[in-house]
């Protein structure tokens, strides 16, 4: 909510506590200073350390105030910060404002999806943060104590990917590539990168499992599944190069 207010009506000064629920104060400081460098920020903490103070200062905080603090000291710091701002030329960065709005929406989406167990599909060009967002959702979810395993469909053999995803009648296996246990009794969260490179047979099995039309052999092992691609899956499905039924699930 605070980020929404900052976006819609940027304040002259922000009093920011280091300890916040959901997103720590240092991250908020970094975000605010990236997209609204004109806002002066006073960082407060009841458990202040030199490292935290130095980090806050490097990120652009005007002052670091330890709790408990006197109102006189706080008032003086506020006056100094606003005095500095008054003498500083104002610069508008529309691109930064747009980026800030996008970041707020992303944070809202992360919060929403972290409260769900549904499989998620991430689409976007290379370098747009698909894996980072998936990891953020995982870390904020109730499954954050479960291993987050990345599988690159473009480089992993199909049989290895299959063993990570589905129950095998021959029992559990160990992936020699990274010694990860695929025993169905050990829960894992799987991130399938470059899903466009996944072979059609596994795509079909994945669709059957996610649509609940599963057999014992097609039962999913991961407790949650994240899928990503930098390709246009809609175009690939029209060319019969990607399973259109699987795409429709998302």
C-alpha atoms as a PDB file:
ATOM      1  CA  UNK A   1       0.000   0.000   0.000  1.00  0.00           C
ATOM      2  CA  UNK A   2       2.845   2.398   0.791  1.00  0.00           C
ATOM      3  CA  UNK A   3       4.420   1.779  -2.631  1.00  0.00           C
ATOM      4  CA  UNK A   4       1.057   2.499  -4.266  1.00  0.00           C
ATOM      5  CA  UNK A   5       0.854   5.845  -2.449  1.00  0.00           C
ATOM      6  CA  UNK A   6       4.430   6.730  -3.391  1.00  0.00           C
ATOM      7  CA  UNK A   7       3.651   5.960  -7.021  1.00  0.00           C
ATOM      8  CA  UNK A   8       0.413   7.965  -7.179  1.00  0.00           C
ATOM      9  CA  UNK A   9       1.562  10.932  -5.071  1.00  0.00           C
ATOM     10  CA  UNK A  10       5.333  10.940  -4.396  1.00  0.00           C
ATOM     11  CA  UNK A  11       6.110  12.537  -1.012  1.00  0.00           C
ATOM     12  CA  UNK A  12       8.968  14.923  -0.297  1.00  0.00           C
ATOM     13  CA  UNK A  13      10.257  12.737   2.518  1.00  0.00           C
ATOM     14  CA  UNK A  14       9.841   9.158   3.676  1.00  0.00           C
ATOM     15  CA  UNK A  15      10.290   7.813   7.217  1.00  0.00           C
ATOM     16  CA  UNK A  16      11.195   4.177   6.705  1.00  0.00           C
ATOM     17  CA  UNK A  17      11.569   1.388   9.254  1.00  0.00           C
ATOM     18  CA  UNK A  18      14.072  -1.351   8.386  1.00  0.00           C
ATOM     19  CA  UNK A  19      11.796  -4.100   9.697  1.00  0.00           C
ATOM     20  CA  UNK A  20       8.670  -4.417   7.558  1.00  0.00           C
ATOM     21  CA  UNK A  21       6.378  -7.386   6.816  1.00  0.00           C
ATOM     22  CA  UNK A  22       6.685  -8.860   3.321  1.00  0.00           C
ATOM     23  CA  UNK A  23       9.453  -6.574   2.032  1.00  0.00           C
ATOM     24  CA  UNK A  24      12.297  -5.368   4.259  1.00  0.00           C
ATOM     25  CA  UNK A  25      13.037  -1.672   4.565  1.00  0.00           C
ATOM     26  CA  UNK A  26      16.376  -1.855   2.751  1.00  0.00           C
ATOM     27  CA  UNK A  27      14.617  -3.332  -0.297  1.00  0.00           C
ATOM     28  CA  UNK A  28      11.982  -0.590  -0.129  1.00  0.00           C
ATOM     29  CA  UNK A  29      14.762   2.016   0.078  1.00  0.00           C
ATOM     30  CA  UNK A  30      16.486   0.518  -2.956  1.00  0.00           C
ATOM     31  CA  UNK A  31      13.209   0.509  -4.910  1.00  0.00           C
ATOM     32  CA  UNK A  32      12.244   4.072  -3.967  1.00  0.00           C
ATOM     33  CA  UNK A  33      15.694   5.471  -4.755  1.00  0.00           C
ATOM     34  CA  UNK A  34      15.810   3.654  -8.093  1.00  0.00           C
ATOM     35  CA  UNK A  35      12.543   5.100  -9.361  1.00  0.00           C
ATOM     36  CA  UNK A  36      12.146   8.249  -7.215  1.00  0.00           C
ATOM     37  CA  UNK A  37      15.661   9.489  -6.358  1.00  0.00           C
ATOM     38  CA  UNK A  38      14.205  12.921  -5.492  1.00  0.00           C
ATOM     39  CA  UNK A  39      12.488  11.528  -2.366  1.00  0.00           C
ATOM     40  CA  UNK A  40      14.545  12.001   0.798  1.00  0.00           C
ATOM     41  CA  UNK A  41      14.508   8.912   3.029  1.00  0.00           C
ATOM     42  CA  UNK A  42      15.187   8.693   6.750  1.00  0.00           C
ATOM     43  CA  UNK A  43      15.793   5.083   7.765  1.00  0.00           C
ATOM     44  CA  UNK A  44      14.919   4.006  11.318  1.00  0.00           C
ATOM     45  CA  UNK A  45      15.714   0.819  13.213  1.00  0.00           C
ATOM     46  CA  UNK A  46      15.519  -0.462  16.758  1.00  0.00           C
ATOM     47  CA  UNK A  47      18.185  -3.056  15.978  1.00  0.00           C
ATOM     48  CA  UNK A  48      20.570  -0.893  14.031  1.00  0.00           C
ATOM     49  CA  UNK A  49      24.023  -2.125  13.104  1.00  0.00           C
ATOM     50  CA  UNK A  50      26.918  -0.332  11.444  1.00  0.00           C
ATOM     51  CA  UNK A  51      26.528  -2.562   8.379  1.00  0.00           C
ATOM     52  CA  UNK A  52      22.851  -1.650   8.023  1.00  0.00           C
ATOM     53  CA  UNK A  53      23.590   2.050   8.435  1.00  0.00           C
ATOM     54  CA  UNK A  54      26.375   1.932   5.842  1.00  0.00           C
ATOM     55  CA  UNK A  55      24.182  -0.010   3.401  1.00  0.00           C
ATOM     56  CA  UNK A  56      21.305   2.454   3.837  1.00  0.00           C
ATOM     57  CA  UNK A  57      23.619   5.418   3.273  1.00  0.00           C
ATOM     58  CA  UNK A  58      25.145   3.878   0.150  1.00  0.00           C
ATOM     59  CA  UNK A  59      21.645   3.301  -1.235  1.00  0.00           C
ATOM     60  CA  UNK A  60      20.839   6.984  -0.829  1.00  0.00           C
ATOM     61  CA  UNK A  61      19.259   7.356   2.615  1.00  0.00           C
ATOM     62  CA  UNK A  62      19.664  10.886   3.975  1.00  0.00           C
ATOM     63  CA  UNK A  63      20.090   9.685   7.549  1.00  0.00           C
ATOM     64  CA  UNK A  64      19.995   6.530   9.666  1.00  0.00           C
ATOM     65  CA  UNK A  65      18.218   6.960  13.011  1.00  0.00           C
ATOM     66  CA  UNK A  66      18.417   4.418  15.817  1.00  0.00           C
ATOM     67  CA  UNK A  67      15.436   3.757  18.074  1.00  0.00           C
ATOM     68  CA  UNK A  68      14.565   4.981  20.605  1.00  0.00           C
ATOM     69  CA  UNK A  69      15.139   8.482  19.239  1.00  0.00           C
ATOM     70  CA  UNK A  70      14.225  11.906  20.582  1.00  0.00           C
ATOM     71  CA  UNK A  71      11.695  14.038  18.728  1.00  0.00           C
ATOM     72  CA  UNK A  72      14.238  16.872  18.667  1.00  0.00           C
ATOM     73  CA  UNK A  73      16.755  14.733  16.768  1.00  0.00           C
ATOM     74  CA  UNK A  74      14.088  13.437  14.387  1.00  0.00           C
ATOM     75  CA  UNK A  75      12.747  16.952  13.753  1.00  0.00           C
ATOM     76  CA  UNK A  76      16.253  18.263  13.048  1.00  0.00           C
ATOM     77  CA  UNK A  77      16.948  15.423  10.630  1.00  0.00           C
ATOM     78  CA  UNK A  78      13.636  16.043   8.820  1.00  0.00           C
ATOM     79  CA  UNK A  79      14.400  19.786   8.526  1.00  0.00           C
ATOM     80  CA  UNK A  80      17.877  19.070   7.146  1.00  0.00           C
ATOM     81  CA  UNK A  81      16.545  16.585   4.592  1.00  0.00           C
ATOM     82  CA  UNK A  82      13.782  18.918   3.398  1.00  0.00           C
ATOM     83  CA  UNK A  83      16.230  21.825   3.266  1.00  0.00           C
ATOM     84  CA  UNK A  84      18.514  19.807   1.000  1.00  0.00           C
ATOM     85  CA  UNK A  85      15.585  18.832  -1.207  1.00  0.00           C
ATOM     86  CA  UNK A  86      14.437  22.465  -1.515  1.00  0.00           C
ATOM     87  CA  UNK A  87      17.783  23.478  -3.004  1.00  0.00           C
ATOM     88  CA  UNK A  88      18.012  20.517  -5.360  1.00  0.00           C
ATOM     89  CA  UNK A  89      16.775  20.859  -8.983  1.00  0.00           C
ATOM     90  CA  UNK A  90      13.752  18.677  -9.810  1.00  0.00           C
ATOM     91  CA  UNK A  91      14.143  16.108 -12.583  1.00  0.00           C
ATOM     92  CA  UNK A  92      11.310  14.033 -13.976  1.00  0.00           C
ATOM     93  CA  UNK A  93      12.019  10.567 -15.331  1.00  0.00           C
ATOM     94  CA  UNK A  94       8.889   9.213 -16.993  1.00  0.00           C
ATOM     95  CA  UNK A  95      10.584   5.933 -17.896  1.00  0.00           C
ATOM     96  CA  UNK A  96      11.493   5.398 -14.242  1.00  0.00           C
ATOM     97  CA  UNK A  97       7.926   6.158 -13.152  1.00  0.00           C
ATOM     98  CA  UNK A  98       6.614   3.565 -15.584  1.00  0.00           C
ATOM     99  CA  UNK A  99       9.144   1.055 -14.247  1.00  0.00           C
ATOM    100  CA  UNK A 100       8.066   1.782 -10.684  1.00  0.00           C
ATOM    101  CA  UNK A 101       4.413   1.150 -11.561  1.00  0.00           C
ATOM    102  CA  UNK A 102       5.380  -2.134 -13.197  1.00  0.00           C
ATOM    103  CA  UNK A 103       7.368  -3.131 -10.121  1.00  0.00           C
ATOM    104  CA  UNK A 104       4.365  -2.492  -7.866  1.00  0.00           C
ATOM    105  CA  UNK A 105       2.173  -4.724 -10.037  1.00  0.00           C
ATOM    106  CA  UNK A 106       4.884  -7.400 -10.025  1.00  0.00           C
ATOM    107  CA  UNK A 107       5.098  -7.297  -6.223  1.00  0.00           C
ATOM    108  CA  UNK A 108       1.315  -7.653  -5.989  1.00  0.00           C
ATOM    109  CA  UNK A 109       1.396 -10.640  -8.363  1.00  0.00           C
ATOM    110  CA  UNK A 110       4.196 -12.277  -6.367  1.00  0.00           C
ATOM    111  CA  UNK A 111       2.186 -11.898  -3.157  1.00  0.00           C
ATOM    112  CA  UNK A 112      -0.964 -13.331  -4.778  1.00  0.00           C
ATOM    113  CA  UNK A 113       0.739 -16.337  -6.374  1.00  0.00           C
ATOM    114  CA  UNK A 114       2.775 -17.123  -3.244  1.00  0.00           C
ATOM    115  CA  UNK A 115      -0.531 -17.977  -1.552  1.00  0.00           C
ATOM    116  CA  UNK A 116      -1.418 -20.546  -4.224  1.00  0.00           C
ATOM    117  CA  UNK A 117      -0.087 -23.972  -5.211  1.00  0.00           C
ATOM    118  CA  UNK A 118      -1.085 -23.776  -8.881  1.00  0.00           C
ATOM    119  CA  UNK A 119       1.411 -24.347 -11.678  1.00  0.00           C
ATOM    120  CA  UNK A 120       2.591 -21.073 -13.230  1.00  0.00           C
ATOM    121  CA  UNK A 121       3.807 -20.170 -16.716  1.00  0.00           C
ATOM    122  CA  UNK A 122       6.317 -17.317 -17.181  1.00  0.00           C
ATOM    123  CA  UNK A 123       6.780 -15.856 -20.660  1.00  0.00           C
ATOM    124  CA  UNK A 124       9.274 -13.172 -21.649  1.00  0.00           C
ATOM    125  CA  UNK A 125      12.542 -12.473 -23.366  1.00  0.00           C
ATOM    126  CA  UNK A 126      15.841 -13.649 -21.909  1.00  0.00           C
ATOM    127  CA  UNK A 127      16.889 -11.385 -19.039  1.00  0.00           C
ATOM    128  CA  UNK A 128      13.403 -10.211 -18.050  1.00  0.00           C
ATOM    129  CA  UNK A 129      13.527 -11.900 -14.633  1.00  0.00           C
ATOM    130  CA  UNK A 130      11.307 -14.957 -15.106  1.00  0.00           C
ATOM    131  CA  UNK A 131      13.380 -17.213 -12.851  1.00  0.00           C
ATOM    132  CA  UNK A 132      13.907 -14.445 -10.289  1.00  0.00           C
ATOM    133  CA  UNK A 133      10.144 -13.902  -9.945  1.00  0.00           C
ATOM    134  CA  UNK A 134       9.551 -17.659  -9.649  1.00  0.00           C
ATOM    135  CA  UNK A 135      12.132 -17.837  -6.848  1.00  0.00           C
ATOM    136  CA  UNK A 136      10.560 -14.828  -5.110  1.00  0.00           C
ATOM    137  CA  UNK A 137       7.151 -16.516  -5.197  1.00  0.00           C
ATOM    138  CA  UNK A 138       8.724 -19.718  -3.874  1.00  0.00           C
ATOM    139  CA  UNK A 139      10.522 -17.929  -1.021  1.00  0.00           C
ATOM    140  CA  UNK A 140       7.302 -16.218   0.105  1.00  0.00           C
ATOM    141  CA  UNK A 141       5.190 -19.366  -0.150  1.00  0.00           C
ATOM    142  CA  UNK A 142       4.482 -22.015   2.468  1.00  0.00           C
ATOM    143  CA  UNK A 143       6.777 -24.351   0.495  1.00  0.00           C
ATOM    144  CA  UNK A 144       9.904 -22.234   0.944  1.00  0.00           C
ATOM    145  CA  UNK A 145      11.558 -25.028   2.928  1.00  0.00           C
ATOM    146  CA  UNK A 146      11.322 -27.353  -0.090  1.00  0.00           C
ATOM    147  CA  UNK A 147      14.213 -27.487  -2.619  1.00  0.00           C
ATOM    148  CA  UNK A 148      13.747 -25.285  -5.716  1.00  0.00           C
ATOM    149  CA  UNK A 149      15.141 -27.304  -8.629  1.00  0.00           C
ATOM    150  CA  UNK A 150      15.811 -25.747 -12.047  1.00  0.00           C
ATOM    151  CA  UNK A 151      15.655 -28.030 -15.092  1.00  0.00           C
ATOM    152  CA  UNK A 152      16.679 -26.670 -18.491  1.00  0.00           C
ATOM    153  CA  UNK A 153      14.572 -28.481 -21.083  1.00  0.00           C
ATOM    154  CA  UNK A 154      16.959 -27.392 -23.840  1.00  0.00           C
ATOM    155  CA  UNK A 155      19.943 -29.210 -22.336  1.00  0.00           C
ATOM    156  CA  UNK A 156      18.573 -31.944 -20.047  1.00  0.00           C
ATOM    157  CA  UNK A 157      17.901 -35.388 -21.565  1.00  0.00           C
ATOM    158  CA  UNK A 158      14.183 -36.115 -21.844  1.00  0.00           C
ATOM    159  CA  UNK A 159      14.398 -39.205 -19.623  1.00  0.00           C
ATOM    160  CA  UNK A 160      15.935 -37.138 -16.788  1.00  0.00           C
ATOM    161  CA  UNK A 161      13.209 -34.507 -16.977  1.00  0.00           C
ATOM    162  CA  UNK A 162      10.607 -37.262 -17.081  1.00  0.00           C
ATOM    163  CA  UNK A 163      12.055 -38.836 -13.919  1.00  0.00           C
ATOM    164  CA  UNK A 164      11.861 -35.522 -12.056  1.00  0.00           C
ATOM    165  CA  UNK A 165       8.270 -34.911 -13.093  1.00  0.00           C
ATOM    166  CA  UNK A 166       6.456 -38.230 -13.027  1.00  0.00           C
ATOM    167  CA  UNK A 167       6.010 -41.331 -10.893  1.00  0.00           C
ATOM    168  CA  UNK A 168       7.953 -44.248 -12.339  1.00  0.00           C
ATOM    169  CA  UNK A 169       6.799 -47.815 -12.021  1.00  0.00           C
ATOM    170  CA  UNK A 170      10.450 -48.755 -11.605  1.00  0.00           C
ATOM    171  CA  UNK A 171      10.770 -46.575  -8.514  1.00  0.00           C
ATOM    172  CA  UNK A 172      12.807 -43.512  -7.699  1.00  0.00           C
ATOM    173  CA  UNK A 173      15.971 -42.518  -9.512  1.00  0.00           C
ATOM    174  CA  UNK A 174      18.997 -40.339  -8.876  1.00  0.00           C
ATOM    175  CA  UNK A 175      20.004 -37.778 -11.479  1.00  0.00           C
ATOM    176  CA  UNK A 176      23.741 -38.287 -11.973  1.00  0.00           C
ATOM    177  CA  UNK A 177      24.058 -34.784 -13.410  1.00  0.00           C
ATOM    178  CA  UNK A 178      23.627 -33.129 -10.011  1.00  0.00           C
ATOM    179  CA  UNK A 179      22.936 -35.986  -7.588  1.00  0.00           C
ATOM    180  CA  UNK A 180      19.380 -34.807  -6.929  1.00  0.00           C
ATOM    181  CA  UNK A 181      17.035 -37.384  -5.499  1.00  0.00           C
ATOM    182  CA  UNK A 182      13.778 -37.857  -7.400  1.00  0.00           C
ATOM    183  CA  UNK A 183      12.274 -40.149  -4.811  1.00  0.00           C
ATOM    184  CA  UNK A 184       8.532 -39.376  -4.757  1.00  0.00           C
ATOM    185  CA  UNK A 185       8.617 -39.296  -0.951  1.00  0.00           C
ATOM    186  CA  UNK A 186      10.962 -36.292  -1.113  1.00  0.00           C
ATOM    187  CA  UNK A 187       9.019 -33.229  -2.186  1.00  0.00           C
ATOM    188  CA  UNK A 188      10.539 -30.764  -4.637  1.00  0.00           C
ATOM    189  CA  UNK A 189       9.522 -27.582  -6.403  1.00  0.00           C
ATOM    190  CA  UNK A 190      10.502 -27.728 -10.068  1.00  0.00           C
ATOM    191  CA  UNK A 191      11.298 -24.817 -12.404  1.00  0.00           C
ATOM    192  CA  UNK A 192      11.137 -25.963 -16.048  1.00  0.00           C
ATOM    193  CA  UNK A 193      13.157 -23.530 -18.132  1.00  0.00           C
ATOM    194  CA  UNK A 194      12.829 -23.406 -21.950  1.00  0.00           C
ATOM    195  CA  UNK A 195       9.697 -25.556 -21.874  1.00  0.00           C
ATOM    196  CA  UNK A 196       9.376 -24.974 -25.628  1.00  0.00           C
ATOM    197  CA  UNK A 197      12.223 -27.494 -26.028  1.00  0.00           C
ATOM    198  CA  UNK A 198      10.382 -30.200 -24.069  1.00  0.00           C
ATOM    199  CA  UNK A 199       9.502 -33.164 -26.261  1.00  0.00           C
ATOM    200  CA  UNK A 200       5.890 -33.683 -27.292  1.00  0.00           C
ATOM    201  CA  UNK A 201       5.433 -36.887 -25.296  1.00  0.00           C
ATOM    202  CA  UNK A 202       6.318 -35.216 -21.999  1.00  0.00           C
ATOM    203  CA  UNK A 203       4.253 -32.161 -22.948  1.00  0.00           C
ATOM    204  CA  UNK A 204       1.240 -34.448 -23.380  1.00  0.00           C
ATOM    205  CA  UNK A 205       1.893 -36.181 -20.043  1.00  0.00           C
ATOM    206  CA  UNK A 206       2.273 -32.798 -18.385  1.00  0.00           C
ATOM    207  CA  UNK A 207      -1.065 -31.666 -19.784  1.00  0.00           C
ATOM    208  CA  UNK A 208      -2.779 -34.844 -18.556  1.00  0.00           C
ATOM    209  CA  UNK A 209      -1.330 -34.398 -15.071  1.00  0.00           C
ATOM    210  CA  UNK A 210      -2.149 -30.701 -14.767  1.00  0.00           C
ATOM    211  CA  UNK A 211      -5.667 -31.225 -16.106  1.00  0.00           C
ATOM    212  CA  UNK A 212      -6.192 -33.989 -13.493  1.00  0.00           C
ATOM    213  CA  UNK A 213      -6.606 -36.581 -16.251  1.00  0.00           C
ATOM    214  CA  UNK A 214      -3.672 -38.498 -14.808  1.00  0.00           C
ATOM    215  CA  UNK A 215      -2.752 -42.147 -14.509  1.00  0.00           C
ATOM    216  CA  UNK A 216      -0.478 -43.598 -11.831  1.00  0.00           C
ATOM    217  CA  UNK A 217       2.420 -43.358 -14.278  1.00  0.00           C
ATOM    218  CA  UNK A 218       1.637 -39.717 -15.084  1.00  0.00           C
ATOM    219  CA  UNK A 219       1.187 -38.487 -11.511  1.00  0.00           C
ATOM    220  CA  UNK A 220       3.294 -35.386 -10.897  1.00  0.00           C
ATOM    221  CA  UNK A 221       6.072 -35.665  -8.322  1.00  0.00           C
ATOM    222  CA  UNK A 222       6.781 -31.944  -7.727  1.00  0.00           C
ATOM    223  CA  UNK A 223       4.705 -30.268  -5.040  1.00  0.00           C
ATOM    224  CA  UNK A 224       4.666 -27.184  -7.274  1.00  0.00           C
ATOM    225  CA  UNK A 225       5.666 -26.505 -10.861  1.00  0.00           C
ATOM    226  CA  UNK A 226       6.959 -23.327 -12.492  1.00  0.00           C
ATOM    227  CA  UNK A 227       7.329 -23.270 -16.285  1.00  0.00           C
ATOM    228  CA  UNK A 228       9.061 -20.657 -18.426  1.00  0.00           C
ATOM    229  CA  UNK A 229       9.920 -19.850 -22.020  1.00  0.00           C
ATOM    230  CA  UNK A 230      11.418 -16.968 -23.988  1.00  0.00           C
ATOM    231  CA  UNK A 231       9.637 -18.136 -27.156  1.00  0.00           C
ATOM    232  CA  UNK A 232       6.157 -17.267 -28.439  1.00  0.00           C
ATOM    233  CA  UNK A 233       4.317 -20.431 -27.389  1.00  0.00           C
ATOM    234  CA  UNK A 234       1.125 -19.304 -29.113  1.00  0.00           C
ATOM    235  CA  UNK A 235       2.908 -19.238 -32.472  1.00  0.00           C
ATOM    236  CA  UNK A 236       4.637 -22.551 -31.770  1.00  0.00           C
ATOM    237  CA  UNK A 237       1.313 -24.179 -30.893  1.00  0.00           C
ATOM    238  CA  UNK A 238      -0.198 -22.933 -34.158  1.00  0.00           C
ATOM    239  CA  UNK A 239       2.706 -24.608 -35.966  1.00  0.00           C
ATOM    240  CA  UNK A 240       2.118 -27.823 -33.963  1.00  0.00           C
ATOM    241  CA  UNK A 241       5.513 -27.371 -32.318  1.00  0.00           C
ATOM    242  CA  UNK A 242       4.042 -26.971 -28.827  1.00  0.00           C
ATOM    243  CA  UNK A 243       1.086 -28.697 -27.192  1.00  0.00           C
ATOM    244  CA  UNK A 244      -1.852 -26.300 -27.536  1.00  0.00           C
ATOM    245  CA  UNK A 245      -3.832 -28.069 -24.789  1.00  0.00           C
ATOM    246  CA  UNK A 246      -0.971 -27.572 -22.333  1.00  0.00           C
ATOM    247  CA  UNK A 247      -0.782 -23.885 -23.225  1.00  0.00           C
ATOM    248  CA  UNK A 248      -4.532 -23.420 -22.687  1.00  0.00           C
ATOM    249  CA  UNK A 249      -4.218 -24.577 -19.056  1.00  0.00           C
ATOM    250  CA  UNK A 250      -2.467 -21.314 -18.254  1.00  0.00           C
END
